Amino acid sequence: VHQEYSFHLPDPRPAPMEAGEGLVPRGTG
């Protein structure tokens, strides 16, 4: 049994960061 699924593609642009924010985690699932 084969089922086709759809999902939102990740944004290829990194999230903007303010100076001094450090590491910003992004979901990858």
PDB file of all heavy atoms in Angstrom:
ATOM      1  N   VAL A   1       0.853  -1.182   0.000  1.00  0.00           N
ATOM      2  CA  VAL A   1       0.000   0.000   0.000  1.00  0.00           C
ATOM      3  C   VAL A   1       0.893   1.237   0.000  1.00  0.00           C
ATOM      4  O   VAL A   1       1.702   1.422   0.906  1.00  0.00           O
ATOM      5  CB  VAL A   1      -0.931   0.025   1.229  1.00  0.00           C
ATOM      6  CG1 VAL A   1      -1.800   1.266   1.218  1.00  0.00           C
ATOM      7  CG2 VAL A   1      -1.783  -1.240   1.274  1.00  0.00           C
ATOM      8  N   HIS A   2       0.742   2.049  -1.035  1.00  0.00           N
ATOM      9  CA  HIS A   2       1.502   3.294  -1.156  1.00  0.00           C
ATOM     10  C   HIS A   2       0.559   4.471  -0.938  1.00  0.00           C
ATOM     11  O   HIS A   2      -0.517   4.516  -1.533  1.00  0.00           O
ATOM     12  CB  HIS A   2       2.140   3.425  -2.539  1.00  0.00           C
ATOM     13  CG  HIS A   2       3.012   2.265  -2.922  1.00  0.00           C
ATOM     14  ND1 HIS A   2       4.213   2.005  -2.315  1.00  0.00           N
ATOM     15  CD2 HIS A   2       2.841   1.303  -3.850  1.00  0.00           C
ATOM     16  CE1 HIS A   2       4.756   0.929  -2.868  1.00  0.00           C
ATOM     17  NE2 HIS A   2       3.942   0.482  -3.792  1.00  0.00           N
ATOM     18  N   GLN A   3       0.960   5.410  -0.091  1.00  0.00           N
ATOM     19  CA  GLN A   3       0.177   6.619   0.175  1.00  0.00           C
ATOM     20  C   GLN A   3       1.064   7.816  -0.149  1.00  0.00           C
ATOM     21  O   GLN A   3       2.216   7.859   0.268  1.00  0.00           O
ATOM     22  CB  GLN A   3      -0.254   6.679   1.638  1.00  0.00           C
ATOM     23  CG  GLN A   3      -0.844   8.006   2.090  1.00  0.00           C
ATOM     24  CD  GLN A   3      -2.222   8.279   1.514  1.00  0.00           C
ATOM     25  OE1 GLN A   3      -3.129   7.476   1.695  1.00  0.00           O
ATOM     26  NE2 GLN A   3      -2.377   9.391   0.829  1.00  0.00           N
ATOM     27  N   GLU A   4       0.508   8.762  -0.868  1.00  0.00           N
ATOM     28  CA  GLU A   4       1.243   9.993  -1.142  1.00  0.00           C
ATOM     29  C   GLU A   4       0.892  11.018  -0.077  1.00  0.00           C
ATOM     30  O   GLU A   4      -0.265  11.137   0.332  1.00  0.00           O
ATOM     31  CB  GLU A   4       0.913  10.524  -2.529  1.00  0.00           C
ATOM     32  CG  GLU A   4       1.873  11.598  -2.968  1.00  0.00           C
ATOM     33  CD  GLU A   4       1.929  11.771  -4.471  1.00  0.00           C
ATOM     34  OE1 GLU A   4       1.947  10.757  -5.197  1.00  0.00           O
ATOM     35  OE2 GLU A   4       1.967  12.927  -4.897  1.00  0.00           O
ATOM     36  N   TYR A   5       1.907  11.737   0.390  1.00  0.00           N
ATOM     37  CA  TYR A   5       1.757  12.763   1.421  1.00  0.00           C
ATOM     38  C   TYR A   5       2.317  14.078   0.902  1.00  0.00           C
ATOM     39  O   TYR A   5       3.251  14.090   0.085  1.00  0.00           O
ATOM     40  CB  TYR A   5       2.524  12.379   2.690  1.00  0.00           C
ATOM     41  CG  TYR A   5       2.011  11.152   3.379  1.00  0.00           C
ATOM     42  CD1 TYR A   5       2.480   9.893   3.040  1.00  0.00           C
ATOM     43  CD2 TYR A   5       1.052  11.246   4.381  1.00  0.00           C
ATOM     44  CE1 TYR A   5       2.018   8.760   3.676  1.00  0.00           C
ATOM     45  CE2 TYR A   5       0.582  10.119   5.025  1.00  0.00           C
ATOM     46  CZ  TYR A   5       1.068   8.880   4.671  1.00  0.00           C
ATOM     47  OH  TYR A   5       0.603   7.756   5.305  1.00  0.00           O
ATOM     48  N   SER A   6       1.787  15.172   1.428  1.00  0.00           N
ATOM     49  CA  SER A   6       2.339  16.489   1.136  1.00  0.00           C
ATOM     50  C   SER A   6       2.866  17.088   2.432  1.00  0.00           C
ATOM     51  O   SER A   6       2.468  16.688   3.525  1.00  0.00           O
ATOM     52  CB  SER A   6       1.280  17.406   0.511  1.00  0.00           C
ATOM     53  OG  SER A   6       0.244  17.658   1.434  1.00  0.00           O
ATOM     54  N   PHE A   7       3.777  18.048   2.296  1.00  0.00           N
ATOM     55  CA  PHE A   7       4.332  18.731   3.458  1.00  0.00           C
ATOM     56  C   PHE A   7       4.830  20.105   3.011  1.00  0.00           C
ATOM     57  O   PHE A   7       5.121  20.322   1.841  1.00  0.00           O
ATOM     58  CB  PHE A   7       5.458  17.923   4.116  1.00  0.00           C
ATOM     59  CG  PHE A   7       6.624  17.631   3.200  1.00  0.00           C
ATOM     60  CD1 PHE A   7       7.732  18.462   3.159  1.00  0.00           C
ATOM     61  CD2 PHE A   7       6.605  16.504   2.387  1.00  0.00           C
ATOM     62  CE1 PHE A   7       8.795  18.188   2.318  1.00  0.00           C
ATOM     63  CE2 PHE A   7       7.662  16.220   1.550  1.00  0.00           C
ATOM     64  CZ  PHE A   7       8.758  17.054   1.508  1.00  0.00           C
ATOM     65  N   HIS A   8       4.870  21.014   3.961  1.00  0.00           N
ATOM     66  CA  HIS A   8       5.373  22.355   3.673  1.00  0.00           C
ATOM     67  C   HIS A   8       6.883  22.295   3.528  1.00  0.00           C
ATOM     68  O   HIS A   8       7.571  21.706   4.364  1.00  0.00           O
ATOM     69  CB  HIS A   8       4.965  23.344   4.767  1.00  0.00           C
ATOM     70  CG  HIS A   8       3.500  23.614   4.769  1.00  0.00           C
ATOM     71  ND1 HIS A   8       2.911  24.484   3.884  1.00  0.00           N
ATOM     72  CD2 HIS A   8       2.496  23.100   5.513  1.00  0.00           C
ATOM     73  CE1 HIS A   8       1.610  24.510   4.093  1.00  0.00           C
ATOM     74  NE2 HIS A   8       1.333  23.656   5.077  1.00  0.00           N
ATOM     75  N   LEU A   9       7.375  22.905   2.470  1.00  0.00           N
ATOM     76  CA  LEU A   9       8.811  22.949   2.230  1.00  0.00           C
ATOM     77  C   LEU A   9       9.467  23.931   3.186  1.00  0.00           C
ATOM     78  O   LEU A   9       8.874  24.969   3.512  1.00  0.00           O
ATOM     79  CB  LEU A   9       9.088  23.361   0.784  1.00  0.00           C
ATOM     80  CG  LEU A   9       8.585  22.372  -0.269  1.00  0.00           C
ATOM     81  CD1 LEU A   9       8.639  22.988  -1.656  1.00  0.00           C
ATOM     82  CD2 LEU A   9       9.395  21.100  -0.216  1.00  0.00           C
ATOM     83  N   PRO A  10      10.662  23.632   3.644  1.00  0.00           N
ATOM     84  CA  PRO A  10      11.340  24.582   4.542  1.00  0.00           C
ATOM     85  C   PRO A  10      11.707  25.852   3.786  1.00  0.00           C
ATOM     86  O   PRO A  10      11.958  25.830   2.585  1.00  0.00           O
ATOM     87  CB  PRO A  10      12.595  23.824   4.988  1.00  0.00           C
ATOM     88  CG  PRO A  10      12.807  22.771   3.959  1.00  0.00           C
ATOM     89  CD  PRO A  10      11.460  22.445   3.380  1.00  0.00           C
ATOM     90  N   ASP A  11      11.703  26.947   4.495  1.00  0.00           N
ATOM     91  CA  ASP A  11      12.084  28.227   3.913  1.00  0.00           C
ATOM     92  C   ASP A  11      13.590  28.185   3.662  1.00  0.00           C
ATOM     93  O   ASP A  11      14.364  27.977   4.598  1.00  0.00           O
ATOM     94  CB  ASP A  11      11.728  29.351   4.885  1.00  0.00           C
ATOM     95  CG  ASP A  11      11.907  30.724   4.273  1.00  0.00           C
ATOM     96  OD1 ASP A  11      12.559  30.824   3.198  1.00  0.00           O
ATOM     97  OD2 ASP A  11      11.402  31.687   4.856  1.00  0.00           O
ATOM     98  N   PRO A  12      14.020  28.351   2.411  1.00  0.00           N
ATOM     99  CA  PRO A  12      15.454  28.264   2.132  1.00  0.00           C
ATOM    100  C   PRO A  12      16.248  29.446   2.686  1.00  0.00           C
ATOM    101  O   PRO A  12      17.458  29.390   2.763  1.00  0.00           O
ATOM    102  CB  PRO A  12      15.515  28.248   0.607  1.00  0.00           C
ATOM    103  CG  PRO A  12      14.266  28.921   0.168  1.00  0.00           C
ATOM    104  CD  PRO A  12      13.233  28.621   1.233  1.00  0.00           C
ATOM    105  N   ARG A  13      15.565  30.489   3.089  1.00  0.00           N
ATOM    106  CA  ARG A  13      16.258  31.665   3.631  1.00  0.00           C
ATOM    107  C   ARG A  13      16.380  31.517   5.135  1.00  0.00           C
ATOM    108  O   ARG A  13      15.408  31.195   5.810  1.00  0.00           O
ATOM    109  CB  ARG A  13      15.479  32.935   3.317  1.00  0.00           C
ATOM    110  CG  ARG A  13      15.294  33.161   1.817  1.00  0.00           C
ATOM    111  CD  ARG A  13      14.228  34.189   1.597  1.00  0.00           C
ATOM    112  NE  ARG A  13      13.000  33.649   2.210  1.00  0.00           N
ATOM    113  CZ  ARG A  13      11.823  34.229   2.145  1.00  0.00           C
ATOM    114  NH1 ARG A  13      11.673  35.365   1.553  1.00  0.00           N
ATOM    115  NH2 ARG A  13      10.764  33.666   2.711  1.00  0.00           N
ATOM    116  N   PRO A  14      17.539  31.797   5.687  1.00  0.00           N
ATOM    117  CA  PRO A  14      17.661  31.731   7.155  1.00  0.00           C
ATOM    118  C   PRO A  14      16.849  32.850   7.800  1.00  0.00           C
ATOM    119  O   PRO A  14      16.656  33.905   7.216  1.00  0.00           O
ATOM    120  CB  PRO A  14      19.158  31.903   7.400  1.00  0.00           C
ATOM    121  CG  PRO A  14      19.698  32.515   6.157  1.00  0.00           C
ATOM    122  CD  PRO A  14      18.771  32.135   5.033  1.00  0.00           C
ATOM    123  N   ALA A  15      16.377  32.574   8.989  1.00  0.00           N
ATOM    124  CA  ALA A  15      15.618  33.589   9.722  1.00  0.00           C
ATOM    125  C   ALA A  15      16.544  34.754  10.062  1.00  0.00           C
ATOM    126  O   ALA A  15      17.713  34.546  10.390  1.00  0.00           O
ATOM    127  CB  ALA A  15      15.048  32.979  10.996  1.00  0.00           C
ATOM    128  N   PRO A  16      16.050  35.995   9.943  1.00  0.00           N
ATOM    129  CA  PRO A  16      16.900  37.140  10.284  1.00  0.00           C
ATOM    130  C   PRO A  16      17.269  37.104  11.761  1.00  0.00           C
ATOM    131  O   PRO A  16      16.476  36.701  12.601  1.00  0.00           O
ATOM    132  CB  PRO A  16      16.028  38.347   9.950  1.00  0.00           C
ATOM    133  CG  PRO A  16      14.641  37.838   9.856  1.00  0.00           C
ATOM    134  CD  PRO A  16      14.709  36.372   9.562  1.00  0.00           C
ATOM    135  N   MET A  17      18.489  37.502  12.041  1.00  0.00           N
ATOM    136  CA  MET A  17      18.975  37.500  13.421  1.00  0.00           C
ATOM    137  C   MET A  17      19.430  38.897  13.794  1.00  0.00           C
ATOM    138  O   MET A  17      20.017  39.603  12.990  1.00  0.00           O
ATOM    139  CB  MET A  17      20.161  36.542  13.580  1.00  0.00           C
ATOM    140  CG  MET A  17      19.782  35.099  13.459  1.00  0.00           C
ATOM    141  SD  MET A  17      21.199  34.000  13.618  1.00  0.00           S
ATOM    142  CE  MET A  17      21.906  34.500  15.139  1.00  0.00           C
ATOM    143  N   GLU A  18      19.137  39.274  14.976  1.00  0.00           N
ATOM    144  CA  GLU A  18      19.627  40.536  15.528  1.00  0.00           C
ATOM    145  C   GLU A  18      21.009  40.281  16.119  1.00  0.00           C
ATOM    146  O   GLU A  18      21.301  39.175  16.573  1.00  0.00           O
ATOM    147  CB  GLU A  18      18.678  41.047  16.619  1.00  0.00           C
ATOM    148  CG  GLU A  18      17.284  41.376  16.122  1.00  0.00           C
ATOM    149  CD  GLU A  18      17.255  42.572  15.195  1.00  0.00           C
ATOM    150  OE1 GLU A  18      18.065  43.500  15.388  1.00  0.00           O
ATOM    151  OE2 GLU A  18      16.436  42.568  14.265  1.00  0.00           O
ATOM    152  N   ALA A  19      21.820  41.283  16.128  1.00  0.00           N
ATOM    153  CA  ALA A  19      23.162  41.158  16.702  1.00  0.00           C
ATOM    154  C   ALA A  19      23.060  40.717  18.162  1.00  0.00           C
ATOM    155  O   ALA A  19      22.241  41.230  18.919  1.00  0.00           O
ATOM    156  CB  ALA A  19      23.912  42.482  16.603  1.00  0.00           C
ATOM    157  N   GLY A  20      23.856  39.748  18.530  1.00  0.00           N
ATOM    158  CA  GLY A  20      23.911  39.285  19.911  1.00  0.00           C
ATOM    159  C   GLY A  20      22.842  38.266  20.286  1.00  0.00           C
ATOM    160  O   GLY A  20      22.756  37.840  21.423  1.00  0.00           O
ATOM    161  N   GLU A  21      21.979  37.832  19.343  1.00  0.00           N
ATOM    162  CA  GLU A  21      20.921  36.858  19.664  1.00  0.00           C
ATOM    163  C   GLU A  21      21.483  35.464  19.905  1.00  0.00           C
ATOM    164  O   GLU A  21      20.894  34.676  20.598  1.00  0.00           O
ATOM    165  CB  GLU A  21      19.888  36.789  18.533  1.00  0.00           C
ATOM    166  CG  GLU A  21      18.863  37.874  18.597  1.00  0.00           C
ATOM    167  CD  GLU A  21      17.773  37.641  17.566  1.00  0.00           C
ATOM    168  OE1 GLU A  21      17.624  36.521  17.069  1.00  0.00           O
ATOM    169  OE2 GLU A  21      17.070  38.600  17.266  1.00  0.00           O
ATOM    170  N   GLY A  22      22.585  35.157  19.282  1.00  0.00           N
ATOM    171  CA  GLY A  22      23.128  33.812  19.428  1.00  0.00           C
ATOM    172  C   GLY A  22      22.460  32.841  18.472  1.00  0.00           C
ATOM    173  O   GLY A  22      21.945  33.232  17.430  1.00  0.00           O
ATOM    174  N   LEU A  23      22.411  31.608  18.845  1.00  0.00           N
ATOM    175  CA  LEU A  23      21.879  30.547  18.008  1.00  0.00           C
ATOM    176  C   LEU A  23      20.349  30.544  18.043  1.00  0.00           C
ATOM    177  O   LEU A  23      19.743  30.601  19.103  1.00  0.00           O
ATOM    178  CB  LEU A  23      22.405  29.202  18.507  1.00  0.00           C
ATOM    179  CG  LEU A  23      22.163  27.989  17.639  1.00  0.00           C
ATOM    180  CD1 LEU A  23      22.828  28.148  16.281  1.00  0.00           C
ATOM    181  CD2 LEU A  23      22.733  26.758  18.323  1.00  0.00           C
ATOM    182  N   VAL A  24      19.737  30.467  16.870  1.00  0.00           N
ATOM    183  CA  VAL A  24      18.276  30.405  16.768  1.00  0.00           C
ATOM    184  C   VAL A  24      17.906  29.034  16.208  1.00  0.00           C
ATOM    185  O   VAL A  24      18.232  28.719  15.065  1.00  0.00           O
ATOM    186  CB  VAL A  24      17.721  31.519  15.850  1.00  0.00           C
ATOM    187  CG1 VAL A  24      16.221  31.388  15.698  1.00  0.00           C
ATOM    188  CG2 VAL A  24      18.106  32.876  16.386  1.00  0.00           C
ATOM    189  N   PRO A  25      17.265  28.171  17.010  1.00  0.00           N
ATOM    190  CA  PRO A  25      16.904  26.839  16.502  1.00  0.00           C
ATOM    191  C   PRO A  25      15.764  26.931  15.492  1.00  0.00           C
ATOM    192  O   PRO A  25      14.884  27.775  15.606  1.00  0.00           O
ATOM    193  CB  PRO A  25      16.450  26.083  17.758  1.00  0.00           C
ATOM    194  CG  PRO A  25      16.042  27.147  18.718  1.00  0.00           C
ATOM    195  CD  PRO A  25      16.860  28.363  18.395  1.00  0.00           C
ATOM    196  N   ARG A  26      15.823  26.062  14.486  1.00  0.00           N
ATOM    197  CA  ARG A  26      14.766  25.963  13.478  1.00  0.00           C
ATOM    198  C   ARG A  26      14.332  24.509  13.384  1.00  0.00           C
ATOM    199  O   ARG A  26      15.163  23.619  13.358  1.00  0.00           O
ATOM    200  CB  ARG A  26      15.269  26.416  12.110  1.00  0.00           C
ATOM    201  CG  ARG A  26      15.549  27.890  12.037  1.00  0.00           C
ATOM    202  CD  ARG A  26      16.046  28.264  10.681  1.00  0.00           C
ATOM    203  NE  ARG A  26      14.998  28.043   9.690  1.00  0.00           N
ATOM    204  CZ  ARG A  26      15.176  28.240   8.397  1.00  0.00           C
ATOM    205  NH1 ARG A  26      16.322  28.656   7.948  1.00  0.00           N
ATOM    206  NH2 ARG A  26      14.205  28.028   7.555  1.00  0.00           N
ATOM    207  N   GLY A  27      13.033  24.293  13.323  1.00  0.00           N
ATOM    208  CA  GLY A  27      12.524  22.936  13.158  1.00  0.00           C
ATOM    209  C   GLY A  27      12.900  22.389  11.797  1.00  0.00           C
ATOM    210  O   GLY A  27      12.910  23.112  10.811  1.00  0.00           O
ATOM    211  N   THR A  28      13.216  21.099  11.749  1.00  0.00           N
ATOM    212  CA  THR A  28      13.571  20.489  10.477  1.00  0.00           C
ATOM    213  C   THR A  28      12.651  19.325  10.130  1.00  0.00           C
ATOM    214  O   THR A  28      12.824  18.703   9.102  1.00  0.00           O
ATOM    215  CB  THR A  28      15.027  19.966  10.508  1.00  0.00           C
ATOM    216  OG1 THR A  28      15.141  19.031  11.574  1.00  0.00           O
ATOM    217  CG2 THR A  28      16.015  21.107  10.676  1.00  0.00           C
ATOM    218  N   GLY A  29      11.688  19.016  10.987  1.00  0.00           N
ATOM    219  CA  GLY A  29      10.798  17.890  10.727  1.00  0.00           C
ATOM    220  C   GLY A  29       9.746  18.219   9.682  1.00  0.00           C
ATOM    221  O   GLY A  29       9.515  19.379   9.349  1.00  0.00           O
TER     222      GLY A  29
END
